[in-house]
Structures are given as structure tokens and as C-alpha cells.
Amino acid sequence: MSAEDKAANTGDKIKGKAKEVAGKVTGNERLEAEGKAEQVKGDAKQAGEKVKDTFKH
């Protein structure tokens, strides 16, 4: 996994967590759900990159 990909995936997870917390604080369920989805997206991308790395070596 390249450092750029790892940073982008971590960024997605951080943004997602921030949205989730903001949604909880404001009572905005849509924002909270978007945040959770972004975190899952970041995790999925990271897992995909790890699989690619495994097959490279």
C-alpha cells in the first residue's frame, strides 16, 4: 500500500468519524449515518490495498 493511499484512507476514516460525532451532537441522523458510511469506505479501501500488497509479494 502506498503512503498516499494509506493517508487517503485514513483521511476518509477521520472525516467519517468527525461527521458521525457532529451528527450525534446535533441530533442529525443523516449526518451520523454518512459519517459511519465514510468510515466503512475507508476501512474497505484499506483492506483492498492490503490484499493487493499480499498478491504483489
N, C-alpha and C. Protein backbone atom coordinates (compact mmCIF):
# COMPACT_ATOMS: atom_id res chain seq x y z
N MET A 1 0.86 -1.16 0.00
CA MET A 1 0.00 0.00 0.00
C MET A 1 0.90 1.22 0.00
N SER A 2 0.63 2.15 -0.90
CA SER A 2 1.45 3.35 -0.93
C SER A 2 1.06 4.28 0.22
N ALA A 3 1.99 5.12 0.56
CA ALA A 3 1.75 6.07 1.66
C ALA A 3 0.60 7.01 1.32
N GLU A 4 0.49 7.36 0.04
CA GLU A 4 -0.61 8.26 -0.38
C GLU A 4 -1.96 7.59 -0.20
N ASP A 5 -2.06 6.32 -0.60
CA ASP A 5 -3.31 5.59 -0.44
C ASP A 5 -3.67 5.43 1.03
N LYS A 6 -2.67 5.10 1.82
CA LYS A 6 -2.90 4.92 3.26
C LYS A 6 -3.39 6.22 3.89
N ALA A 7 -2.78 7.34 3.50
CA ALA A 7 -3.18 8.64 4.03
C ALA A 7 -4.60 8.99 3.60
N ALA A 8 -4.93 8.71 2.35
CA ALA A 8 -6.27 9.00 1.86
C ALA A 8 -7.31 8.16 2.59
N ASN A 9 -7.01 6.88 2.80
CA ASN A 9 -7.94 6.01 3.51
C ASN A 9 -8.12 6.44 4.96
N THR A 10 -7.02 6.83 5.59
CA THR A 10 -7.09 7.31 6.96
C THR A 10 -7.88 8.62 7.01
N GLY A 11 -7.69 9.45 6.01
CA GLY A 11 -8.45 10.71 5.92
C GLY A 11 -9.94 10.46 5.83
N ASP A 12 -10.34 9.45 5.03
CA ASP A 12 -11.76 9.10 4.93
C ASP A 12 -12.30 8.68 6.28
N LYS A 13 -11.51 7.88 7.00
CA LYS A 13 -11.96 7.40 8.31
C LYS A 13 -12.08 8.56 9.30
N ILE A 14 -11.13 9.49 9.28
CA ILE A 14 -11.17 10.63 10.20
C ILE A 14 -12.35 11.54 9.88
N LYS A 15 -12.54 11.83 8.60
CA LYS A 15 -13.68 12.68 8.21
C LYS A 15 -14.99 12.01 8.60
N GLY A 16 -15.05 10.70 8.40
CA GLY A 16 -16.26 9.97 8.76
C GLY A 16 -16.54 10.03 10.24
N LYS A 17 -15.51 9.87 11.04
CA LYS A 17 -15.69 9.93 12.50
C LYS A 17 -16.16 11.33 12.92
N ALA A 18 -15.58 12.35 12.30
CA ALA A 18 -15.98 13.72 12.62
C ALA A 18 -17.45 13.95 12.27
N LYS A 19 -17.87 13.46 11.11
CA LYS A 19 -19.27 13.61 10.71
C LYS A 19 -20.19 12.85 11.66
N GLU A 20 -19.77 11.66 12.03
CA GLU A 20 -20.59 10.86 12.94
C GLU A 20 -20.78 11.58 14.26
N VAL A 21 -19.71 12.09 14.82
CA VAL A 21 -19.79 12.81 16.10
C VAL A 21 -20.65 14.06 15.96
N ALA A 22 -20.44 14.80 14.87
CA ALA A 22 -21.24 16.02 14.65
C ALA A 22 -22.72 15.66 14.54
N GLY A 23 -23.01 14.57 13.87
CA GLY A 23 -24.40 14.13 13.74
C GLY A 23 -25.01 13.77 15.08
N LYS A 24 -24.23 13.08 15.92
CA LYS A 24 -24.73 12.71 17.25
C LYS A 24 -24.99 13.95 18.10
N VAL A 25 -24.05 14.90 18.06
CA VAL A 25 -24.17 16.10 18.88
C VAL A 25 -25.38 16.94 18.46
N THR A 26 -25.60 17.04 17.16
CA THR A 26 -26.70 17.88 16.67
C THR A 26 -28.01 17.13 16.52
N GLY A 27 -27.97 15.80 16.70
CA GLY A 27 -29.19 15.02 16.53
C GLY A 27 -29.53 14.79 15.07
N ASN A 28 -28.56 14.98 14.17
CA ASN A 28 -28.78 14.82 12.74
C ASN A 28 -28.42 13.37 12.36
N GLU A 29 -29.44 12.54 12.23
CA GLU A 29 -29.22 11.12 11.96
C GLU A 29 -28.60 10.90 10.58
N ARG A 30 -28.95 11.74 9.61
CA ARG A 30 -28.40 11.60 8.26
C ARG A 30 -26.89 11.82 8.27
N LEU A 31 -26.46 12.87 8.94
CA LEU A 31 -25.04 13.18 9.03
C LEU A 31 -24.29 12.08 9.77
N GLU A 32 -24.90 11.57 10.81
CA GLU A 32 -24.29 10.48 11.57
C GLU A 32 -24.12 9.24 10.68
N ALA A 33 -25.14 8.92 9.89
CA ALA A 33 -25.08 7.77 9.00
C ALA A 33 -24.02 7.97 7.91
N GLU A 34 -23.93 9.19 7.37
CA GLU A 34 -22.90 9.49 6.37
C GLU A 34 -21.51 9.27 6.95
N GLY A 35 -21.33 9.69 8.18
CA GLY A 35 -20.05 9.53 8.84
C GLY A 35 -19.67 8.07 9.00
N LYS A 36 -20.63 7.27 9.42
CA LYS A 36 -20.38 5.84 9.58
C LYS A 36 -20.04 5.22 8.22
N ALA A 37 -20.75 5.65 7.18
CA ALA A 37 -20.50 5.11 5.84
C ALA A 37 -19.10 5.47 5.35
N GLU A 38 -18.65 6.68 5.62
CA GLU A 38 -17.31 7.08 5.21
C GLU A 38 -16.24 6.27 5.94
N GLN A 39 -16.49 5.96 7.19
CA GLN A 39 -15.54 5.14 7.94
C GLN A 39 -15.45 3.74 7.34
N VAL A 40 -16.59 3.18 6.99
CA VAL A 40 -16.62 1.85 6.38
C VAL A 40 -15.90 1.88 5.03
N LYS A 41 -16.13 2.95 4.28
CA LYS A 41 -15.48 3.09 2.97
C LYS A 41 -13.96 3.12 3.13
N GLY A 42 -13.48 3.86 4.11
CA GLY A 42 -12.04 3.94 4.36
C GLY A 42 -11.47 2.59 4.77
N ASP A 43 -12.21 1.86 5.61
CA ASP A 43 -11.78 0.53 6.03
C ASP A 43 -11.74 -0.44 4.85
N ALA A 44 -12.75 -0.36 3.99
CA ALA A 44 -12.82 -1.26 2.84
C ALA A 44 -11.67 -0.99 1.86
N LYS A 45 -11.40 0.28 1.63
CA LYS A 45 -10.29 0.63 0.73
C LYS A 45 -8.97 0.12 1.30
N GLN A 46 -8.80 0.29 2.59
CA GLN A 46 -7.57 -0.16 3.24
C GLN A 46 -7.42 -1.67 3.12
N ALA A 47 -8.51 -2.39 3.30
CA ALA A 47 -8.48 -3.84 3.18
C ALA A 47 -8.14 -4.26 1.76
N GLY A 48 -8.70 -3.56 0.79
CA GLY A 48 -8.41 -3.85 -0.62
C GLY A 48 -6.94 -3.63 -0.94
N GLU A 49 -6.38 -2.57 -0.42
CA GLU A 49 -4.96 -2.29 -0.65
C GLU A 49 -4.08 -3.37 -0.01
N LYS A 50 -4.47 -3.85 1.15
CA LYS A 50 -3.70 -4.91 1.80
C LYS A 50 -3.73 -6.20 0.98
N VAL A 51 -4.88 -6.50 0.38
CA VAL A 51 -4.99 -7.68 -0.47
C VAL A 51 -4.08 -7.53 -1.68
N LYS A 52 -4.07 -6.36 -2.28
CA LYS A 52 -3.19 -6.11 -3.43
C LYS A 52 -1.73 -6.32 -3.02
N ASP A 53 -1.37 -5.78 -1.88
CA ASP A 53 0.01 -5.92 -1.40
C ASP A 53 0.39 -7.39 -1.19
N THR A 54 -0.56 -8.15 -0.67
CA THR A 54 -0.31 -9.56 -0.42
C THR A 54 0.01 -10.30 -1.72
N PHE A 55 -0.75 -10.00 -2.77
CA PHE A 55 -0.54 -10.69 -4.03
C PHE A 55 0.67 -10.15 -4.80
N LYS A 56 1.11 -8.96 -4.49
CA LYS A 56 2.32 -8.41 -5.12
C LYS A 56 3.55 -9.18 -4.69
N HIS A 57 3.56 -9.57 -3.43
CA HIS A 57 4.76 -10.20 -2.87
C HIS A 57 4.70 -11.65 -3.00
